[in-house]
Amino acid sequence: METVARERTVVERKGFTLIELLVIISIIALLLAITTTILRRAREQARQVQCRSNLRQLGLARGMYADVCLDWLPRAANHRDPILRRTGARILSS
């Protein structure tokens, strides 16, 4: 009788149980949520760095223009400016 009882307790496992699969899926979902949050923050920081760099480049270009043109700066373009309308110049807008 004892050998039969021992043979029944030794069962080969051929797969995962439902609980094990649910735990693995929940861990993966948690890691994905953490990763997407970190990536979103990194993307926003990269956008801010690029914007700061663009502003810096515009400031440097403006300073170099003023240096060459005897401290005169170009005036701001205005879509209501009669000179721009008369010459047909276009203002680039983003």
PDB file of N, CA and C in Angstrom:
ATOM      1  N   MET A   1       0.803  -1.197   0.000  1.00  0.00           N
ATOM      2  CA  MET A   1       0.000   0.000   0.000  1.00  0.00           C
ATOM      3  C   MET A   1       0.849   1.264   0.000  1.00  0.00           C
ATOM      4  N   GLU A   2       1.963   1.227   0.682  1.00  0.00           N
ATOM      5  CA  GLU A   2       2.800   2.414   0.774  1.00  0.00           C
ATOM      6  C   GLU A   2       3.401   2.774  -0.580  1.00  0.00           C
ATOM      7  N   THR A   3       3.766   1.793  -1.386  1.00  0.00           N
ATOM      8  CA  THR A   3       4.355   2.104  -2.690  1.00  0.00           C
ATOM      9  C   THR A   3       3.340   2.766  -3.613  1.00  0.00           C
ATOM     10  N   VAL A   4       2.087   2.379  -3.527  1.00  0.00           N
ATOM     11  CA  VAL A   4       1.042   2.974  -4.356  1.00  0.00           C
ATOM     12  C   VAL A   4       0.833   4.430  -3.951  1.00  0.00           C
ATOM     13  N   ALA A   5       0.850   4.709  -2.677  1.00  0.00           N
ATOM     14  CA  ALA A   5       0.667   6.081  -2.194  1.00  0.00           C
ATOM     15  C   ALA A   5       1.830   6.963  -2.624  1.00  0.00           C
ATOM     16  N   ARG A   6       3.023   6.426  -2.577  1.00  0.00           N
ATOM     17  CA  ARG A   6       4.193   7.212  -2.993  1.00  0.00           C
ATOM     18  C   ARG A   6       4.164   7.493  -4.486  1.00  0.00           C
ATOM     19  N   GLU A   7       3.730   6.557  -5.268  1.00  0.00           N
ATOM     20  CA  GLU A   7       3.672   6.741  -6.707  1.00  0.00           C
ATOM     21  C   GLU A   7       2.635   7.795  -7.086  1.00  0.00           C
ATOM     22  N   ARG A   8       1.574   7.888  -6.331  1.00  0.00           N
ATOM     23  CA  ARG A   8       0.536   8.873  -6.635  1.00  0.00           C
ATOM     24  C   ARG A   8       1.006  10.293  -6.301  1.00  0.00           C
ATOM     25  N   THR A   9       1.835  10.432  -5.289  1.00  0.00           N
ATOM     26  CA  THR A   9       2.277  11.780  -4.919  1.00  0.00           C
ATOM     27  C   THR A   9       3.331  12.314  -5.883  1.00  0.00           C
ATOM     28  N   VAL A  10       4.080  11.463  -6.508  1.00  0.00           N
ATOM     29  CA  VAL A  10       5.077  11.897  -7.475  1.00  0.00           C
ATOM     30  C   VAL A  10       4.390  12.023  -8.833  1.00  0.00           C
ATOM     31  N   VAL A  11       4.052  13.235  -9.173  1.00  0.00           N
ATOM     32  CA  VAL A  11       3.358  13.498 -10.437  1.00  0.00           C
ATOM     33  C   VAL A  11       4.251  14.430 -11.256  1.00  0.00           C
ATOM     34  N   GLU A  12       4.467  14.069 -12.481  1.00  0.00           N
ATOM     35  CA  GLU A  12       5.266  14.924 -13.359  1.00  0.00           C
ATOM     36  C   GLU A  12       4.437  16.127 -13.774  1.00  0.00           C
ATOM     37  N   ARG A  13       5.061  17.310 -13.658  1.00  0.00           N
ATOM     38  CA  ARG A  13       4.374  18.534 -14.069  1.00  0.00           C
ATOM     39  C   ARG A  13       4.741  18.805 -15.521  1.00  0.00           C
ATOM     40  N   LYS A  14       3.731  18.986 -16.324  1.00  0.00           N
ATOM     41  CA  LYS A  14       3.979  19.213 -17.743  1.00  0.00           C
ATOM     42  C   LYS A  14       3.699  20.659 -18.148  1.00  0.00           C
ATOM     43  N   GLY A  15       3.233  21.477 -17.258  1.00  0.00           N
ATOM     44  CA  GLY A  15       2.924  22.863 -17.606  1.00  0.00           C
ATOM     45  C   GLY A  15       2.798  23.714 -16.362  1.00  0.00           C
ATOM     46  N   PHE A  16       2.395  24.962 -16.592  1.00  0.00           N
ATOM     47  CA  PHE A  16       2.216  25.894 -15.492  1.00  0.00           C
ATOM     48  C   PHE A  16       0.777  25.840 -15.005  1.00  0.00           C
ATOM     49  N   THR A  17       0.587  26.170 -13.745  1.00  0.00           N
ATOM     50  CA  THR A  17      -0.775  26.266 -13.220  1.00  0.00           C
ATOM     51  C   THR A  17      -1.338  27.627 -13.589  1.00  0.00           C
ATOM     52  N   LEU A  18      -2.618  27.785 -13.413  1.00  0.00           N
ATOM     53  CA  LEU A  18      -3.281  29.045 -13.743  1.00  0.00           C
ATOM     54  C   LEU A  18      -2.752  30.180 -12.873  1.00  0.00           C
ATOM     55  N   ILE A  19      -2.532  29.926 -11.616  1.00  0.00           N
ATOM     56  CA  ILE A  19      -2.022  30.945 -10.701  1.00  0.00           C
ATOM     57  C   ILE A  19      -0.628  31.406 -11.146  1.00  0.00           C
ATOM     58  N   GLU A  20       0.233  30.469 -11.510  1.00  0.00           N
ATOM     59  CA  GLU A  20       1.577  30.827 -11.965  1.00  0.00           C
ATOM     60  C   GLU A  20       1.519  31.701 -13.224  1.00  0.00           C
ATOM     61  N   LEU A  21       0.654  31.359 -14.145  1.00  0.00           N
ATOM     62  CA  LEU A  21       0.514  32.157 -15.365  1.00  0.00           C
ATOM     63  C   LEU A  21      -0.007  33.562 -15.054  1.00  0.00           C
ATOM     64  N   LEU A  22      -0.974  33.653 -14.139  1.00  0.00           N
ATOM     65  CA  LEU A  22      -1.504  34.964 -13.773  1.00  0.00           C
ATOM     66  C   LEU A  22      -0.447  35.818 -13.084  1.00  0.00           C
ATOM     67  N   VAL A  23       0.378  35.213 -12.257  1.00  0.00           N
ATOM     68  CA  VAL A  23       1.445  35.952 -11.583  1.00  0.00           C
ATOM     69  C   VAL A  23       2.449  36.469 -12.622  1.00  0.00           C
ATOM     70  N   ILE A  24       2.829  35.635 -13.557  1.00  0.00           N
ATOM     71  CA  ILE A  24       3.782  36.041 -14.591  1.00  0.00           C
ATOM     72  C   ILE A  24       3.207  37.164 -15.439  1.00  0.00           C
ATOM     73  N   ILE A  25       1.942  37.051 -15.817  1.00  0.00           N
ATOM     74  CA  ILE A  25       1.299  38.090 -16.622  1.00  0.00           C
ATOM     75  C   ILE A  25       1.223  39.397 -15.853  1.00  0.00           C
ATOM     76  N   SER A  26       0.913  39.344 -14.565  1.00  0.00           N
ATOM     77  CA  SER A  26       0.827  40.575 -13.775  1.00  0.00           C
ATOM     78  C   SER A  26       2.202  41.217 -13.607  1.00  0.00           C
ATOM     79  N   ILE A  27       3.247  40.430 -13.455  1.00  0.00           N
ATOM     80  CA  ILE A  27       4.604  40.974 -13.353  1.00  0.00           C
ATOM     81  C   ILE A  27       5.001  41.660 -14.666  1.00  0.00           C
ATOM     82  N   ILE A  28       4.696  41.038 -15.776  1.00  0.00           N
ATOM     83  CA  ILE A  28       5.001  41.623 -17.076  1.00  0.00           C
ATOM     84  C   ILE A  28       4.238  42.930 -17.273  1.00  0.00           C
ATOM     85  N   ALA A  29       2.962  42.947 -16.875  1.00  0.00           N
ATOM     86  CA  ALA A  29       2.163  44.172 -17.004  1.00  0.00           C
ATOM     87  C   ALA A  29       2.731  45.287 -16.139  1.00  0.00           C
ATOM     88  N   LEU A  30       3.172  44.956 -14.934  1.00  0.00           N
ATOM     89  CA  LEU A  30       3.760  45.957 -14.049  1.00  0.00           C
ATOM     90  C   LEU A  30       5.053  46.513 -14.636  1.00  0.00           C
ATOM     91  N   LEU A  31       5.908  45.656 -15.154  1.00  0.00           N
ATOM     92  CA  LEU A  31       7.150  46.113 -15.773  1.00  0.00           C
ATOM     93  C   LEU A  31       6.878  46.986 -16.999  1.00  0.00           C
ATOM     94  N   LEU A  32       5.882  46.639 -17.766  1.00  0.00           N
ATOM     95  CA  LEU A  32       5.516  47.432 -18.937  1.00  0.00           C
ATOM     96  C   LEU A  32       5.033  48.816 -18.527  1.00  0.00           C
ATOM     97  N   ALA A  33       4.226  48.889 -17.477  1.00  0.00           N
ATOM     98  CA  ALA A  33       3.727  50.187 -17.009  1.00  0.00           C
ATOM     99  C   ALA A  33       4.875  51.071 -16.533  1.00  0.00           C
ATOM    100  N   ILE A  34       5.809  50.487 -15.814  1.00  0.00           N
ATOM    101  CA  ILE A  34       6.966  51.247 -15.326  1.00  0.00           C
ATOM    102  C   ILE A  34       7.813  51.728 -16.503  1.00  0.00           C
ATOM    103  N   THR A  35       8.033  50.861 -17.467  1.00  0.00           N
ATOM    104  CA  THR A  35       8.871  51.192 -18.625  1.00  0.00           C
ATOM    105  C   THR A  35       8.249  52.305 -19.462  1.00  0.00           C
ATOM    106  N   THR A  36       6.950  52.241 -19.708  1.00  0.00           N
ATOM    107  CA  THR A  36       6.309  53.275 -20.527  1.00  0.00           C
ATOM    108  C   THR A  36       6.344  54.628 -19.832  1.00  0.00           C
ATOM    109  N   THR A  37       6.200  54.642 -18.513  1.00  0.00           N
ATOM    110  CA  THR A  37       6.280  55.905 -17.779  1.00  0.00           C
ATOM    111  C   THR A  37       7.674  56.507 -17.896  1.00  0.00           C
ATOM    112  N   ILE A  38       8.680  55.679 -17.745  1.00  0.00           N
ATOM    113  CA  ILE A  38      10.065  56.166 -17.840  1.00  0.00           C
ATOM    114  C   ILE A  38      10.351  56.656 -19.248  1.00  0.00           C
ATOM    115  N   LEU A  39       9.903  55.936 -20.259  1.00  0.00           N
ATOM    116  CA  LEU A  39      10.139  56.347 -21.646  1.00  0.00           C
ATOM    117  C   LEU A  39       9.421  57.651 -21.968  1.00  0.00           C
ATOM    118  N   ARG A  40       8.212  57.838 -21.435  1.00  0.00           N
ATOM    119  CA  ARG A  40       7.478  59.072 -21.672  1.00  0.00           C
ATOM    120  C   ARG A  40       8.225  60.256 -21.072  1.00  0.00           C
ATOM    121  N   ARG A  41       8.746  60.088 -19.866  1.00  0.00           N
ATOM    122  CA  ARG A  41       9.508  61.159 -19.227  1.00  0.00           C
ATOM    123  C   ARG A  41      10.782  61.471 -20.014  1.00  0.00           C
ATOM    124  N   ALA A  42      11.462  60.435 -20.462  1.00  0.00           N
ATOM    125  CA  ALA A  42      12.699  60.629 -21.225  1.00  0.00           C
ATOM    126  C   ALA A  42      12.413  61.346 -22.542  1.00  0.00           C
ATOM    127  N   ARG A  43      11.318  60.996 -23.192  1.00  0.00           N
ATOM    128  CA  ARG A  43      10.957  61.640 -24.455  1.00  0.00           C
ATOM    129  C   ARG A  43      10.644  63.123 -24.234  1.00  0.00           C
ATOM    130  N   GLU A  44       9.944  63.443 -23.150  1.00  0.00           N
ATOM    131  CA  GLU A  44       9.626  64.832 -22.850  1.00  0.00           C
ATOM    132  C   GLU A  44      10.894  65.628 -22.530  1.00  0.00           C
ATOM    133  N   GLN A  45      11.804  65.029 -21.792  1.00  0.00           N
ATOM    134  CA  GLN A  45      13.058  65.713 -21.490  1.00  0.00           C
ATOM    135  C   GLN A  45      13.877  65.946 -22.756  1.00  0.00           C
ATOM    136  N   ALA A  46      13.884  64.990 -23.663  1.00  0.00           N
ATOM    137  CA  ALA A  46      14.604  65.162 -24.927  1.00  0.00           C
ATOM    138  C   ALA A  46      13.993  66.286 -25.748  1.00  0.00           C
ATOM    139  N   ARG A  47      12.667  66.388 -25.733  1.00  0.00           N
ATOM    140  CA  ARG A  47      12.002  67.477 -26.447  1.00  0.00           C
ATOM    141  C   ARG A  47      12.376  68.826 -25.848  1.00  0.00           C
ATOM    142  N   GLN A  48      12.427  68.900 -24.527  1.00  0.00           N
ATOM    143  CA  GLN A  48      12.796  70.156 -23.866  1.00  0.00           C
ATOM    144  C   GLN A  48      14.239  70.542 -24.173  1.00  0.00           C
ATOM    145  N   VAL A  49      15.127  69.568 -24.190  1.00  0.00           N
ATOM    146  CA  VAL A  49      16.538  69.854 -24.510  1.00  0.00           C
ATOM    147  C   VAL A  49      16.657  70.358 -25.935  1.00  0.00           C
ATOM    148  N   GLN A  50      15.939  69.755 -26.858  1.00  0.00           N
ATOM    149  CA  GLN A  50      15.986  70.188 -28.250  1.00  0.00           C
ATOM    150  C   GLN A  50      15.435  71.607 -28.390  1.00  0.00           C
ATOM    151  N   CYS A  51      14.362  71.905 -27.674  1.00  0.00           N
ATOM    152  CA  CYS A  51      13.778  73.244 -27.737  1.00  0.00           C
ATOM    153  C   CYS A  51      14.760  74.286 -27.190  1.00  0.00           C
ATOM    154  N   ARG A  52      15.399  73.968 -26.056  1.00  0.00           N
ATOM    155  CA  ARG A  52      16.391  74.891 -25.494  1.00  0.00           C
ATOM    156  C   ARG A  52      17.554  75.109 -26.463  1.00  0.00           C
ATOM    157  N   SER A  53      17.974  74.050 -27.116  1.00  0.00           N
ATOM    158  CA  SER A  53      19.064  74.159 -28.080  1.00  0.00           C
ATOM    159  C   SER A  53      18.660  75.047 -29.253  1.00  0.00           C
ATOM    160  N   ASN A  54      17.433  74.879 -29.739  1.00  0.00           N
ATOM    161  CA  ASN A  54      16.954  75.722 -30.840  1.00  0.00           C
ATOM    162  C   ASN A  54      16.901  77.188 -30.426  1.00  0.00           C
ATOM    163  N   LEU A  55      16.428  77.461 -29.208  1.00  0.00           N
ATOM    164  CA  LEU A  55      16.383  78.845 -28.734  1.00  0.00           C
ATOM    165  C   LEU A  55      17.788  79.426 -28.607  1.00  0.00           C
ATOM    166  N   ARG A  56      18.719  78.616 -28.148  1.00  0.00           N
ATOM    167  CA  ARG A  56      20.106  79.067 -28.027  1.00  0.00           C
ATOM    168  C   ARG A  56      20.675  79.405 -29.403  1.00  0.00           C
ATOM    169  N   GLN A  57      20.414  78.555 -30.383  1.00  0.00           N
ATOM    170  CA  GLN A  57      20.905  78.807 -31.735  1.00  0.00           C
ATOM    171  C   GLN A  57      20.300  80.081 -32.317  1.00  0.00           C
ATOM    172  N   LEU A  58      19.001  80.299 -32.062  1.00  0.00           N
ATOM    173  CA  LEU A  58      18.370  81.530 -32.545  1.00  0.00           C
ATOM    174  C   LEU A  58      19.002  82.758 -31.887  1.00  0.00           C
ATOM    175  N   GLY A  59      19.286  82.665 -30.591  1.00  0.00           N
ATOM    176  CA  GLY A  59      19.928  83.778 -29.893  1.00  0.00           C
ATOM    177  C   GLY A  59      21.319  84.063 -30.433  1.00  0.00           C
ATOM    178  N   LEU A  60      22.087  83.001 -30.687  1.00  0.00           N
ATOM    179  CA  LEU A  60      23.424  83.186 -31.254  1.00  0.00           C
ATOM    180  C   LEU A  60      23.366  83.800 -32.648  1.00  0.00           C
ATOM    181  N   ALA A  61      22.433  83.342 -33.461  1.00  0.00           N
ATOM    182  CA  ALA A  61      22.298  83.885 -34.821  1.00  0.00           C
ATOM    183  C   ALA A  61      21.896  85.351 -34.765  1.00  0.00           C
ATOM    184  N   ARG A  62      21.002  85.679 -33.860  1.00  0.00           N
ATOM    185  CA  ARG A  62      20.567  87.075 -33.714  1.00  0.00           C
ATOM    186  C   ARG A  62      21.742  87.953 -33.274  1.00  0.00           C
ATOM    187  N   GLY A  63      22.528  87.454 -32.338  1.00  0.00           N
ATOM    188  CA  GLY A  63      23.691  88.211 -31.884  1.00  0.00           C
ATOM    189  C   GLY A  63      24.717  88.409 -32.979  1.00  0.00           C
ATOM    190  N   MET A  64      24.969  87.362 -33.773  1.00  0.00           N
ATOM    191  CA  MET A  64      25.926  87.489 -34.875  1.00  0.00           C
ATOM    192  C   MET A  64      25.413  88.449 -35.943  1.00  0.00           C
ATOM    193  N   TYR A  65      24.113  88.421 -36.200  1.00  0.00           N
ATOM    194  CA  TYR A  65      23.522  89.355 -37.167  1.00  0.00           C
ATOM    195  C   TYR A  65      23.707  90.787 -36.675  1.00  0.00           C
ATOM    196  N   ALA A  66      23.417  91.018 -35.393  1.00  0.00           N
ATOM    197  CA  ALA A  66      23.562  92.367 -34.831  1.00  0.00           C
ATOM    198  C   ALA A  66      25.020  92.804 -34.860  1.00  0.00           C
ATOM    199  N   ASP A  67      25.938  91.897 -34.672  1.00  0.00           N
ATOM    200  CA  ASP A  67      27.361  92.229 -34.695  1.00  0.00           C
ATOM    201  C   ASP A  67      27.798  92.676 -36.086  1.00  0.00           C
ATOM    202  N   VAL A  68      27.309  91.987 -37.095  1.00  0.00           N
ATOM    203  CA  VAL A  68      27.680  92.308 -38.474  1.00  0.00           C
ATOM    204  C   VAL A  68      26.966  93.572 -38.950  1.00  0.00           C
ATOM    205  N   CYS A  69      25.739  93.770 -38.530  1.00  0.00           N
ATOM    206  CA  CYS A  69      24.921  94.889 -39.042  1.00  0.00           C
ATOM    207  C   CYS A  69      24.908  96.085 -38.090  1.00  0.00           C
ATOM    208  N   LEU A  70      26.028  96.351 -37.462  1.00  0.00           N
ATOM    209  CA  LEU A  70      26.193  97.546 -36.625  1.00  0.00           C
ATOM    210  C   LEU A  70      25.123  97.655 -35.539  1.00  0.00           C
ATOM    211  N   ASP A  71      24.895  96.569 -34.834  1.00  0.00           N
ATOM    212  CA  ASP A  71      23.945  96.481 -33.712  1.00  0.00           C
ATOM    213  C   ASP A  71      22.490  96.693 -34.101  1.00  0.00           C
ATOM    214  N   TRP A  72      22.176  96.578 -35.370  1.00  0.00           N
ATOM    215  CA  TRP A  72      20.781  96.618 -35.787  1.00  0.00           C
ATOM    216  C   TRP A  72      20.242  95.193 -35.788  1.00  0.00           C
ATOM    217  N   LEU A  73      19.036  95.043 -35.312  1.00  0.00           N
ATOM    218  CA  LEU A  73      18.387  93.733 -35.304  1.00  0.00           C
ATOM    219  C   LEU A  73      17.239  93.732 -36.300  1.00  0.00           C
ATOM    220  N   PRO A  74      16.951  92.594 -36.901  1.00  0.00           N
ATOM    221  CA  PRO A  74      15.799  92.547 -37.812  1.00  0.00           C
ATOM    222  C   PRO A  74      14.516  92.738 -37.009  1.00  0.00           C
ATOM    223  N   ARG A  75      13.587  93.435 -37.622  1.00  0.00           N
ATOM    224  CA  ARG A  75      12.339  93.640 -36.894  1.00  0.00           C
ATOM    225  C   ARG A  75      11.474  92.404 -37.001  1.00  0.00           C
ATOM    226  N   ALA A  76      10.559  92.305 -36.098  1.00  0.00           N
ATOM    227  CA  ALA A  76       9.682  91.132 -36.061  1.00  0.00           C
ATOM    228  C   ALA A  76       8.729  91.166 -37.243  1.00  0.00           C
ATOM    229  N   ALA A  77       8.515  90.029 -37.849  1.00  0.00           N
ATOM    230  CA  ALA A  77       7.582  89.944 -38.976  1.00  0.00           C
ATOM    231  C   ALA A  77       6.157  89.921 -38.437  1.00  0.00           C
ATOM    232  N   ASN A  78       5.301  90.642 -39.094  1.00  0.00           N
ATOM    233  CA  ASN A  78       3.907  90.717 -38.693  1.00  0.00           C
ATOM    234  C   ASN A  78       3.064  90.485 -39.941  1.00  0.00           C
ATOM    235  N   HIS A  79       2.085  89.647 -39.848  1.00  0.00           N
ATOM    236  CA  HIS A  79       1.281  89.348 -41.033  1.00  0.00           C
ATOM    237  C   HIS A  79       0.449  90.551 -41.469  1.00  0.00           C
ATOM    238  N   ARG A  80       0.310  91.554 -40.608  1.00  0.00           N
ATOM    239  CA  ARG A  80      -0.425  92.772 -40.980  1.00  0.00           C
ATOM    240  C   ARG A  80       0.503  93.863 -41.516  1.00  0.00           C
ATOM    241  N   ASP A  81       1.762  93.563 -41.629  1.00  0.00           N
ATOM    242  CA  ASP A  81       2.757  94.546 -42.066  1.00  0.00           C
ATOM    243  C   ASP A  81       2.501  94.917 -43.528  1.00  0.00           C
ATOM    244  N   PRO A  82       2.284  96.210 -43.823  1.00  0.00           N
ATOM    245  CA  PRO A  82       1.987  96.604 -45.221  1.00  0.00           C
ATOM    246  C   PRO A  82       3.156  96.363 -46.164  1.00  0.00           C
ATOM    247  N   ILE A  83       4.388  96.429 -45.660  1.00  0.00           N
ATOM    248  CA  ILE A  83       5.546  96.191 -46.530  1.00  0.00           C
ATOM    249  C   ILE A  83       5.576  94.731 -46.965  1.00  0.00           C
ATOM    250  N   LEU A  84       5.293  93.841 -46.053  1.00  0.00           N
ATOM    251  CA  LEU A  84       5.267  92.416 -46.417  1.00  0.00           C
ATOM    252  C   LEU A  84       4.147  92.131 -47.401  1.00  0.00           C
ATOM    253  N   ARG A  85       3.001  92.775 -47.223  1.00  0.00           N
ATOM    254  CA  ARG A  85       1.888  92.549 -48.151  1.00  0.00           C
ATOM    255  C   ARG A  85       2.222  93.098 -49.551  1.00  0.00           C
ATOM    256  N   ARG A  86       2.863  94.251 -49.589  1.00  0.00           N
ATOM    257  CA  ARG A  86       3.166  94.883 -50.872  1.00  0.00           C
ATOM    258  C   ARG A  86       4.203  94.082 -51.650  1.00  0.00           C
ATOM    259  N   THR A  87       5.208  93.531 -50.945  1.00  0.00           N
ATOM    260  CA  THR A  87       6.262  92.788 -51.633  1.00  0.00           C
ATOM    261  C   THR A  87       5.875  91.341 -51.896  1.00  0.00           C
ATOM    262  N   GLY A  88       4.827  90.882 -51.251  1.00  0.00           N
ATOM    263  CA  GLY A  88       4.391  89.507 -51.437  1.00  0.00           C
ATOM    264  C   GLY A  88       5.238  88.499 -50.684  1.00  0.00           C
ATOM    265  N   ALA A  89       6.019  88.989 -49.740  1.00  0.00           N
ATOM    266  CA  ALA A  89       6.844  88.083 -48.943  1.00  0.00           C
ATOM    267  C   ALA A  89       5.956  87.220 -48.063  1.00  0.00           C
ATOM    268  N   ARG A  90       6.382  86.027 -47.841  1.00  0.00           N
ATOM    269  CA  ARG A  90       5.614  85.101 -46.990  1.00  0.00           C
ATOM    270  C   ARG A  90       6.336  84.908 -45.671  1.00  0.00           C
ATOM    271  N   ILE A  91       5.537  84.782 -44.647  1.00  0.00           N
ATOM    272  CA  ILE A  91       6.083  84.525 -43.307  1.00  0.00           C
ATOM    273  C   ILE A  91       5.912  83.043 -43.031  1.00  0.00           C
ATOM    274  N   LEU A  92       6.995  82.396 -42.629  1.00  0.00           N
ATOM    275  CA  LEU A  92       6.904  80.989 -42.284  1.00  0.00           C
ATOM    276  C   LEU A  92       6.253  80.864 -40.920  1.00  0.00           C
ATOM    277  N   SER A  93       5.266  80.036 -40.824  1.00  0.00           N
ATOM    278  CA  SER A  93       4.622  79.818 -39.535  1.00  0.00           C
ATOM    279  C   SER A  93       4.643  78.329 -39.243  1.00  0.00           C
ATOM    280  N   SER A  94       4.754  78.003 -37.968  1.00  0.00           N
ATOM    281  CA  SER A  94       4.804  76.588 -37.602  1.00  0.00           C
ATOM    282  C   SER A  94       3.454  76.069 -37.212  1.00  0.00           C
TER     283      SER A  94
END
